Amino acid sequence: MDTRVSDEIAGEKRESYGSFLKTHFRDYGMLVALLLIMAFFQVMTGGTLLRPLNLTNLILQNSYIVIMALGMLLVIVAGHIDLSVGSVVGFVGGLAAVLIVKFGMHYVPATIICLVVGGLIGAAQGYWVAYLKVPSFIVTLAGMLVFKGLTLSLLGGQSVGPFPPTFQKLSSGFIPDAFSVEGLSLTSLLLGVITAAALVYFGFRSRVNQQKHTVETAPFGFFVFKNALLCFLIIGFAYLLATYRGLPNVLIIMFALVALYAFVTNRTTIGRRIYALGGNEKAAKLSGIKTERLTFLTFVNMGVLAALAGLIFAARLNTATPKAGLGFELDVIAACFIGGASAYGGVGKVTGAVIGAFVMGVMNNGMSILGIGIDYQQVIKGLVLLAAVTADVYNKKKSA
């Protein structure tokens, strides 16, 4: 009797785990894929991928893609697209170079001006999309061409630089260490431990609140395993970086933005309204949501984040070039779709966009280390994007 009961309980547990994973495949599938891709390149590159120096370069190379993916996610969730972000990156970087290098302006007011200009660019494009009802594909395609031309004009077809060392720290600086431990940035390691502990705490509190309101939660064993794995990855990642030069400044900026946008999309009214807008615009409008204003704001937000990415990219290169930002829009859009955003709008998560960006980044980095040519890299990235969108279409048809 006891054996039969225990078998039934075990069967129920397996069924609950299976149904949970099936329901949340979109949430966890790409994280598993990222870990498998990292493991593959770690083996194939003979351990080069996860060396502290290469990890630091991986963060610096992908920071601006992650930052723009946060804004692009909201645009895609709202049911639109922005093809101009790469050109805006180049234009804002060029504007920063002209203000700081040519006119000698201090980098703080120059940064503020550049962010405001990014917001104005997003506002201009958002107005055409939201209020004049011109398709976002056409508006932002025009913006791509316009700002490419303006960047060439602004820089006179030449590179402008170098930037002051203080401005370069935006991308190339590191968190100072408050302790004097040789070969280890203890401050960076402690920040990693605190971050892991905070995420576990908030995850546990969220689980308790969900159970209190009878909302479906992950099986307890899965919840414990997920948080243990999360702690291991975060602390291990922080330790590896701490053995080199510590946490880059741009990683702190990136983490703060990810936390902010995760909170906005999951916990605020405006976040829920953006998902409602992308899910069914007519229904959202009938329920009292000001859809035009919401669409307008998503493009303003995208413009500001593209401007921030432009500043970080210019600081990393230490110069502004007419070709800066070329092709960035493709990597940003691909990151969102690979991370689980739906091509139909209304679906997508901040964590998914970040994971998608790092999938692209790890693939680029790993293939470069292996000596795979840029031609084949583009082919592989294109096939991965096609597979991700195909999976989304398949799941949508299956659930219909």
Protein backbone atom coordinates (compact mmCIF):
# COMPACT_ATOMS: atom_id res chain seq x y z
CA MET A 1 0.00 0.00 0.00
CA ASP A 2 2.78 2.39 0.97
CA THR A 3 4.65 1.53 -2.24
CA ARG A 4 1.57 2.21 -4.34
CA VAL A 5 0.97 5.56 -2.64
CA SER A 6 4.61 6.58 -3.06
CA ASP A 7 4.48 5.58 -6.74
CA GLU A 8 1.35 7.68 -7.21
CA ILE A 9 2.99 10.68 -5.52
CA ALA A 10 6.11 10.26 -7.66
CA GLY A 11 3.93 10.04 -10.78
CA GLU A 12 2.07 13.21 -9.79
CA LYS A 13 5.37 15.00 -9.22
CA ARG A 14 6.69 13.95 -12.63
CA GLU A 15 3.46 15.07 -14.23
CA SER A 16 3.56 18.46 -12.45
CA TYR A 17 7.20 18.99 -13.44
CA GLY A 18 6.46 18.00 -17.03
CA SER A 19 3.38 20.21 -17.35
CA PHE A 20 5.21 23.17 -15.76
CA LEU A 21 8.20 22.87 -18.10
CA LYS A 22 5.89 22.47 -21.10
CA THR A 23 3.92 25.58 -20.13
CA HIS A 24 7.05 27.65 -19.43
CA PHE A 25 9.22 26.31 -22.24
CA ARG A 26 9.55 29.80 -23.75
CA ASP A 27 10.91 31.14 -20.43
CA TYR A 28 13.53 28.47 -19.77
CA GLY A 29 14.29 27.05 -23.21
CA MET A 30 16.65 29.84 -24.30
CA LEU A 31 18.46 29.90 -20.95
CA VAL A 32 19.23 26.21 -21.35
CA ALA A 33 20.25 26.89 -24.96
CA LEU A 34 22.62 29.68 -23.82
CA LEU A 35 24.27 27.41 -21.24
CA LEU A 36 24.67 24.63 -23.84
CA ILE A 37 26.14 27.06 -26.39
CA MET A 38 28.60 28.36 -23.79
CA ALA A 39 29.58 24.81 -22.81
CA PHE A 40 30.08 23.90 -26.47
CA PHE A 41 32.37 26.85 -27.22
CA GLN A 42 34.19 26.43 -23.89
CA VAL A 43 35.16 22.91 -24.98
CA MET A 44 35.83 23.79 -28.62
CA THR A 45 38.02 26.80 -27.74
CA GLY A 46 40.04 24.86 -25.17
CA GLY A 47 38.74 26.93 -22.24
CA THR A 48 39.33 30.33 -23.84
CA LEU A 49 35.68 31.41 -23.78
CA LEU A 50 35.37 31.62 -19.98
CA ARG A 51 38.75 33.15 -19.28
CA PRO A 52 38.36 36.40 -17.28
CA LEU A 53 39.84 38.58 -20.04
CA ASN A 54 37.54 37.10 -22.69
CA LEU A 55 34.49 37.36 -20.40
CA THR A 56 35.26 41.05 -19.87
CA ASN A 57 35.56 41.57 -23.63
CA LEU A 58 32.29 39.67 -24.13
CA ILE A 59 30.50 42.10 -21.79
CA LEU A 60 32.04 45.18 -23.39
CA GLN A 61 31.25 43.92 -26.91
CA ASN A 62 27.60 43.20 -26.12
CA SER A 63 26.66 45.87 -23.59
CA TYR A 64 25.19 48.25 -26.17
CA ILE A 65 23.27 45.40 -27.84
CA VAL A 66 21.71 44.41 -24.48
CA ILE A 67 20.82 48.02 -23.68
CA MET A 68 19.10 48.53 -27.04
CA ALA A 69 17.38 45.13 -26.79
CA LEU A 70 15.53 46.40 -23.70
CA GLY A 71 14.00 49.23 -25.72
CA MET A 72 13.44 47.10 -28.80
CA LEU A 73 11.59 44.53 -26.71
CA LEU A 74 8.96 47.10 -25.72
CA VAL A 75 8.63 48.26 -29.34
CA ILE A 76 8.16 44.66 -30.55
CA VAL A 77 5.77 43.79 -27.71
CA ALA A 78 3.71 46.85 -28.70
CA GLY A 79 3.48 45.39 -32.22
CA HIS A 80 6.06 47.54 -34.03
CA ILE A 81 9.71 47.49 -35.14
CA ASP A 82 12.57 50.01 -35.20
CA LEU A 83 15.13 49.67 -37.98
CA SER A 84 16.85 52.99 -37.27
CA VAL A 85 18.63 52.14 -33.99
CA GLY A 86 22.00 51.37 -35.61
CA SER A 87 22.00 54.69 -37.45
CA VAL A 88 20.97 56.54 -34.27
CA VAL A 89 23.93 54.92 -32.46
CA GLY A 90 26.29 56.27 -35.12
CA PHE A 91 24.67 59.72 -35.18
CA VAL A 92 24.70 60.18 -31.39
CA GLY A 93 28.29 58.94 -31.16
CA GLY A 94 29.23 61.47 -33.85
CA LEU A 95 27.36 64.24 -32.01
CA ALA A 96 29.20 63.38 -28.77
CA ALA A 97 32.54 63.52 -30.61
CA VAL A 98 31.76 66.92 -32.13
CA LEU A 99 30.62 68.37 -28.78
CA ILE A 100 33.42 66.90 -26.63
CA VAL A 101 36.41 66.74 -29.01
CA LYS A 102 35.80 69.63 -31.41
CA PHE A 103 33.97 72.10 -29.17
CA GLY A 104 35.68 71.08 -25.90
CA MET A 105 32.41 70.64 -23.99
CA HIS A 106 32.51 68.77 -20.67
CA TYR A 107 31.34 65.18 -21.09
CA VAL A 108 28.48 65.46 -18.55
CA PRO A 109 26.42 68.18 -20.34
CA ALA A 110 27.40 66.62 -23.68
CA THR A 111 26.02 63.26 -22.49
CA ILE A 112 22.76 64.88 -21.36
CA ILE A 113 22.39 66.66 -24.72
CA CYS A 114 22.97 63.40 -26.58
CA LEU A 115 20.36 61.55 -24.52
CA VAL A 116 17.84 64.35 -25.11
CA VAL A 117 18.57 64.23 -28.85
CA GLY A 118 17.99 60.47 -28.78
CA GLY A 119 14.65 61.03 -27.08
CA LEU A 120 13.69 63.65 -29.68
CA ILE A 121 14.58 61.27 -32.51
CA GLY A 122 12.39 58.60 -30.92
CA ALA A 123 9.60 61.16 -30.43
CA ALA A 124 9.73 62.23 -34.09
CA GLN A 125 9.51 58.66 -35.33
CA GLY A 126 6.93 57.72 -32.71
CA TYR A 127 4.70 60.61 -33.78
CA TRP A 128 4.59 59.35 -37.37
CA VAL A 129 3.82 55.81 -36.22
CA ALA A 130 1.38 56.54 -33.38
CA TYR A 131 -0.59 59.54 -34.62
CA LEU A 132 -0.16 59.57 -38.40
CA LYS A 133 -0.50 55.75 -38.59
CA VAL A 134 2.44 55.28 -40.95
CA PRO A 135 3.79 51.71 -40.56
CA SER A 136 6.79 51.60 -38.22
CA PHE A 137 8.77 49.58 -40.77
CA ILE A 138 8.58 52.46 -43.28
CA VAL A 139 9.15 55.26 -40.75
CA THR A 140 12.21 53.66 -39.17
CA LEU A 141 13.60 52.53 -42.52
CA ALA A 142 13.48 56.19 -43.56
CA GLY A 143 15.09 57.08 -40.22
CA MET A 144 17.88 54.60 -40.89
CA LEU A 145 18.72 56.34 -44.16
CA VAL A 146 18.30 59.86 -42.76
CA PHE A 147 20.62 59.37 -39.78
CA LYS A 148 23.23 57.54 -41.82
CA GLY A 149 23.37 60.60 -44.04
CA LEU A 150 23.39 63.02 -41.09
CA THR A 151 26.26 61.09 -39.46
CA LEU A 152 28.35 61.39 -42.62
CA SER A 153 27.57 65.11 -42.78
CA LEU A 154 28.23 65.70 -39.07
CA LEU A 155 31.63 63.99 -39.12
CA GLY A 156 32.57 65.19 -42.59
CA GLY A 157 33.17 61.59 -43.65
CA GLN A 158 36.09 61.26 -41.18
CA SER A 159 36.66 59.72 -37.77
CA VAL A 160 36.72 62.14 -34.83
CA GLY A 161 38.57 61.41 -31.59
CA PRO A 162 40.10 60.61 -29.16
CA PHE A 163 37.79 61.23 -26.21
CA PRO A 164 38.97 62.36 -22.76
CA PRO A 165 39.92 59.49 -20.40
CA THR A 166 37.00 60.34 -18.07
CA PHE A 167 34.49 59.80 -20.89
CA GLN A 168 36.18 56.55 -21.93
CA LYS A 169 35.54 55.13 -18.45
CA LEU A 170 31.85 54.93 -19.36
CA SER A 171 32.73 51.80 -21.32
CA SER A 172 36.28 50.82 -20.40
CA GLY A 173 36.33 51.67 -16.67
CA PHE A 174 35.99 49.20 -13.77
CA ILE A 175 34.46 49.34 -10.30
CA PRO A 176 37.22 50.47 -7.88
CA ASP A 177 38.21 47.93 -5.23
CA ALA A 178 37.80 49.05 -1.62
CA PHE A 179 40.08 46.25 -0.39
CA SER A 180 43.74 45.62 -1.10
CA VAL A 181 43.76 41.92 -1.98
CA GLU A 182 46.35 41.05 -4.60
CA GLY A 183 44.95 39.29 -7.68
CA LEU A 184 41.31 39.57 -6.59
CA SER A 185 38.82 42.45 -6.64
CA LEU A 186 37.01 41.62 -3.41
CA THR A 187 34.48 44.45 -3.94
CA SER A 188 33.36 42.93 -7.24
CA LEU A 189 33.06 39.47 -5.69
CA LEU A 190 30.99 40.83 -2.78
CA LEU A 191 28.69 42.64 -5.22
CA GLY A 192 28.16 39.33 -7.01
CA VAL A 193 27.28 37.57 -3.74
CA ILE A 194 24.90 40.38 -2.70
CA THR A 195 23.22 40.31 -6.13
CA ALA A 196 22.71 36.53 -5.97
CA ALA A 197 21.30 36.76 -2.43
CA ALA A 198 18.95 39.61 -3.42
CA LEU A 199 17.61 37.69 -6.42
CA VAL A 200 16.95 34.60 -4.29
CA TYR A 201 15.20 36.73 -1.65
CA PHE A 202 12.93 38.49 -4.14
CA GLY A 203 12.25 35.20 -5.92
CA PHE A 204 11.20 33.57 -2.64
CA ARG A 205 9.03 36.55 -1.68
CA SER A 206 7.35 36.52 -5.10
CA ARG A 207 6.66 32.79 -4.73
CA VAL A 208 5.04 33.32 -1.31
CA ASN A 209 2.84 36.12 -2.69
CA GLN A 210 1.79 33.96 -5.65
CA GLN A 211 0.84 31.09 -3.36
CA LYS A 212 -1.08 33.48 -1.14
CA HIS A 213 -3.17 34.56 -4.12
CA THR A 214 -3.49 30.97 -5.45
CA VAL A 215 -1.38 31.72 -8.54
CA GLU A 216 0.39 28.77 -10.17
CA THR A 217 4.00 28.47 -9.00
CA ALA A 218 6.92 26.29 -10.02
CA PRO A 219 7.27 22.95 -8.19
CA PHE A 220 9.33 23.47 -5.03
CA GLY A 221 12.18 21.22 -6.17
CA PHE A 222 12.46 23.07 -9.44
CA PHE A 223 12.37 26.43 -7.61
CA VAL A 224 15.25 25.38 -5.34
CA PHE A 225 17.29 23.99 -8.25
CA LYS A 226 16.75 27.14 -10.33
CA ASN A 227 17.87 29.45 -7.52
CA ALA A 228 20.87 27.29 -6.63
CA LEU A 229 21.95 27.31 -10.28
CA LEU A 230 21.38 31.08 -10.46
CA CYS A 231 23.56 31.68 -7.38
CA PHE A 232 26.30 29.43 -8.74
CA LEU A 233 26.34 31.20 -12.12
CA ILE A 234 26.28 34.75 -10.71
CA ILE A 235 28.89 34.18 -8.00
CA GLY A 236 31.10 32.16 -10.36
CA PHE A 237 30.81 34.87 -13.01
CA ALA A 238 31.66 37.58 -10.46
CA TYR A 239 34.65 35.56 -9.20
CA LEU A 240 36.08 35.11 -12.70
CA LEU A 241 35.78 38.85 -13.39
CA ALA A 242 37.21 39.65 -9.94
CA THR A 243 40.39 37.73 -10.78
CA TYR A 244 41.01 40.08 -13.73
CA ARG A 245 40.06 43.74 -13.13
CA GLY A 246 36.68 43.42 -11.47
CA LEU A 247 33.23 44.38 -12.71
CA PRO A 248 33.16 46.80 -15.68
CA ASN A 249 31.24 50.07 -15.17
CA VAL A 250 29.07 49.25 -18.16
CA LEU A 251 27.99 45.97 -16.51
CA ILE A 252 26.59 47.94 -13.56
CA ILE A 253 24.71 50.26 -15.95
CA MET A 254 23.41 47.27 -17.86
CA PHE A 255 22.30 45.42 -14.72
CA ALA A 256 20.51 48.52 -13.35
CA LEU A 257 18.62 48.96 -16.62
CA VAL A 258 17.66 45.26 -16.79
CA ALA A 259 16.33 45.44 -13.20
CA LEU A 260 14.41 48.65 -13.97
CA TYR A 261 12.80 47.33 -17.15
CA ALA A 262 11.98 43.97 -15.55
CA PHE A 263 10.18 45.87 -12.79
CA VAL A 264 8.35 48.13 -15.29
CA THR A 265 7.15 45.24 -17.47
CA ASN A 266 6.16 42.94 -14.59
CA ARG A 267 4.98 45.26 -11.83
CA THR A 268 3.60 48.48 -13.31
CA THR A 269 0.40 49.51 -15.05
CA ILE A 270 2.21 50.93 -18.06
CA GLY A 271 4.01 47.61 -18.55
CA ARG A 272 0.76 45.65 -18.55
CA ARG A 273 -0.76 48.15 -20.95
CA ILE A 274 2.09 47.73 -23.45
CA TYR A 275 1.42 43.97 -23.50
CA ALA A 276 -2.29 44.62 -23.91
CA LEU A 277 -1.54 47.00 -26.79
CA GLY A 278 0.54 44.39 -28.61
CA GLY A 279 -1.92 41.60 -27.89
CA ASN A 280 -4.97 43.36 -29.31
CA GLU A 281 -4.80 47.09 -30.06
CA LYS A 282 -8.54 47.51 -30.67
CA ALA A 283 -9.48 45.76 -27.44
CA ALA A 284 -6.88 47.82 -25.55
CA LYS A 285 -8.32 51.04 -26.95
CA LEU A 286 -11.86 50.01 -26.07
CA SER A 287 -10.76 49.29 -22.50
CA GLY A 288 -9.61 52.88 -22.10
CA ILE A 289 -5.88 52.57 -22.87
CA LYS A 290 -4.46 55.55 -24.79
CA THR A 291 -2.77 53.40 -27.41
CA GLU A 292 -1.35 56.28 -29.45
CA ARG A 293 0.41 57.81 -26.47
CA LEU A 294 1.73 54.41 -25.38
CA THR A 295 3.16 53.69 -28.84
CA PHE A 296 4.70 57.17 -28.89
CA LEU A 297 6.40 56.57 -25.52
CA THR A 298 7.85 53.22 -26.56
CA PHE A 299 9.65 54.94 -29.46
CA VAL A 300 10.86 57.79 -27.22
CA ASN A 301 12.26 55.18 -24.83
CA MET A 302 13.93 53.36 -27.74
CA GLY A 303 15.55 56.61 -28.89
CA VAL A 304 17.01 57.34 -25.44
CA LEU A 305 18.43 53.81 -25.09
CA ALA A 306 19.89 53.94 -28.61
CA ALA A 307 21.56 57.23 -27.67
CA LEU A 308 22.99 55.67 -24.49
CA ALA A 309 24.27 52.73 -26.55
CA GLY A 310 25.84 55.20 -28.99
CA LEU A 311 27.72 56.92 -26.16
CA ILE A 312 28.96 53.60 -24.76
CA PHE A 313 30.05 52.39 -28.20
CA ALA A 314 31.89 55.65 -28.95
CA ALA A 315 33.60 55.52 -25.54
CA ARG A 316 34.71 51.95 -26.19
CA LEU A 317 36.16 52.74 -29.62
CA ASN A 318 37.56 56.05 -28.29
CA THR A 319 36.48 57.62 -31.56
CA ALA A 320 33.37 58.32 -33.62
CA THR A 321 33.30 56.90 -37.15
CA PRO A 322 30.80 57.35 -39.99
CA LYS A 323 30.23 53.55 -40.08
CA ALA A 324 29.53 53.18 -36.35
CA GLY A 325 26.36 51.22 -35.60
CA LEU A 326 26.29 49.51 -38.98
CA GLY A 327 24.12 46.40 -38.72
CA PHE A 328 23.38 46.85 -35.01
CA GLU A 329 19.64 46.92 -35.65
CA LEU A 330 19.80 43.35 -36.96
CA ASP A 331 21.59 42.05 -33.86
CA VAL A 332 19.19 43.89 -31.55
CA ILE A 333 16.04 42.64 -33.31
CA ALA A 334 17.48 39.12 -33.51
CA ALA A 335 18.26 39.18 -29.77
CA CYS A 336 14.61 39.95 -28.97
CA PHE A 337 13.20 37.26 -31.24
CA ILE A 338 15.73 34.63 -30.16
CA GLY A 339 14.89 35.52 -26.55
CA GLY A 340 11.23 34.62 -27.05
CA ALA A 341 9.55 37.84 -28.21
CA SER A 342 6.70 37.14 -30.61
CA ALA A 343 6.73 38.53 -34.13
CA TYR A 344 2.98 39.14 -33.65
CA GLY A 345 3.45 41.40 -30.61
CA GLY A 346 2.14 41.08 -27.07
CA VAL A 347 4.69 38.46 -25.95
CA GLY A 348 8.25 38.82 -24.69
CA LYS A 349 10.27 39.21 -21.50
CA VAL A 350 13.20 41.40 -20.48
CA THR A 351 15.22 38.39 -19.31
CA GLY A 352 14.55 36.70 -22.64
CA ALA A 353 15.87 39.70 -24.59
CA VAL A 354 19.03 39.76 -22.45
CA ILE A 355 19.54 36.00 -22.92
CA GLY A 356 18.97 36.41 -26.66
CA ALA A 357 21.58 39.17 -26.81
CA PHE A 358 24.14 36.98 -25.04
CA VAL A 359 23.31 34.01 -27.28
CA MET A 360 24.26 36.20 -30.24
CA GLY A 361 27.31 37.56 -28.39
CA VAL A 362 28.63 34.15 -27.31
CA MET A 363 28.15 32.79 -30.84
CA ASN A 364 30.01 35.77 -32.35
CA ASN A 365 32.82 35.51 -29.80
CA GLY A 366 33.14 31.73 -29.95
CA MET A 367 33.13 31.58 -33.75
CA SER A 368 35.73 34.35 -33.92
CA ILE A 369 38.02 32.47 -31.52
CA LEU A 370 37.62 29.34 -33.65
CA GLY A 371 38.59 31.33 -36.74
CA ILE A 372 35.25 30.95 -38.54
CA GLY A 373 34.95 33.58 -41.25
CA ILE A 374 32.45 36.44 -41.02
CA ASP A 375 30.60 35.03 -44.04
CA TYR A 376 29.78 31.75 -42.30
CA GLN A 377 29.08 33.59 -39.02
CA GLN A 378 26.33 35.56 -40.76
CA VAL A 379 24.88 32.36 -42.25
CA ILE A 380 24.78 30.61 -38.85
CA LYS A 381 23.25 33.64 -37.08
CA GLY A 382 20.60 33.92 -39.79
CA LEU A 383 19.65 30.25 -39.42
CA VAL A 384 19.42 30.59 -35.62
CA LEU A 385 17.11 33.59 -35.99
CA LEU A 386 14.93 31.76 -38.51
CA ALA A 387 14.70 28.73 -36.20
CA ALA A 388 13.67 30.93 -33.24
CA VAL A 389 10.89 32.70 -35.17
CA THR A 390 9.72 29.40 -36.70
CA ALA A 391 9.41 27.93 -33.21
CA ASP A 392 7.35 30.95 -32.17
CA VAL A 393 5.00 30.58 -35.17
CA TYR A 394 4.66 26.83 -34.50
CA ASN A 395 3.82 27.37 -30.83
CA LYS A 396 1.28 30.05 -31.71
CA LYS A 397 -0.48 27.75 -34.21
CA LYS A 398 -0.40 24.86 -31.73
CA SER A 399 -2.02 26.93 -28.98
CA ALA A 400 -4.64 28.42 -31.31
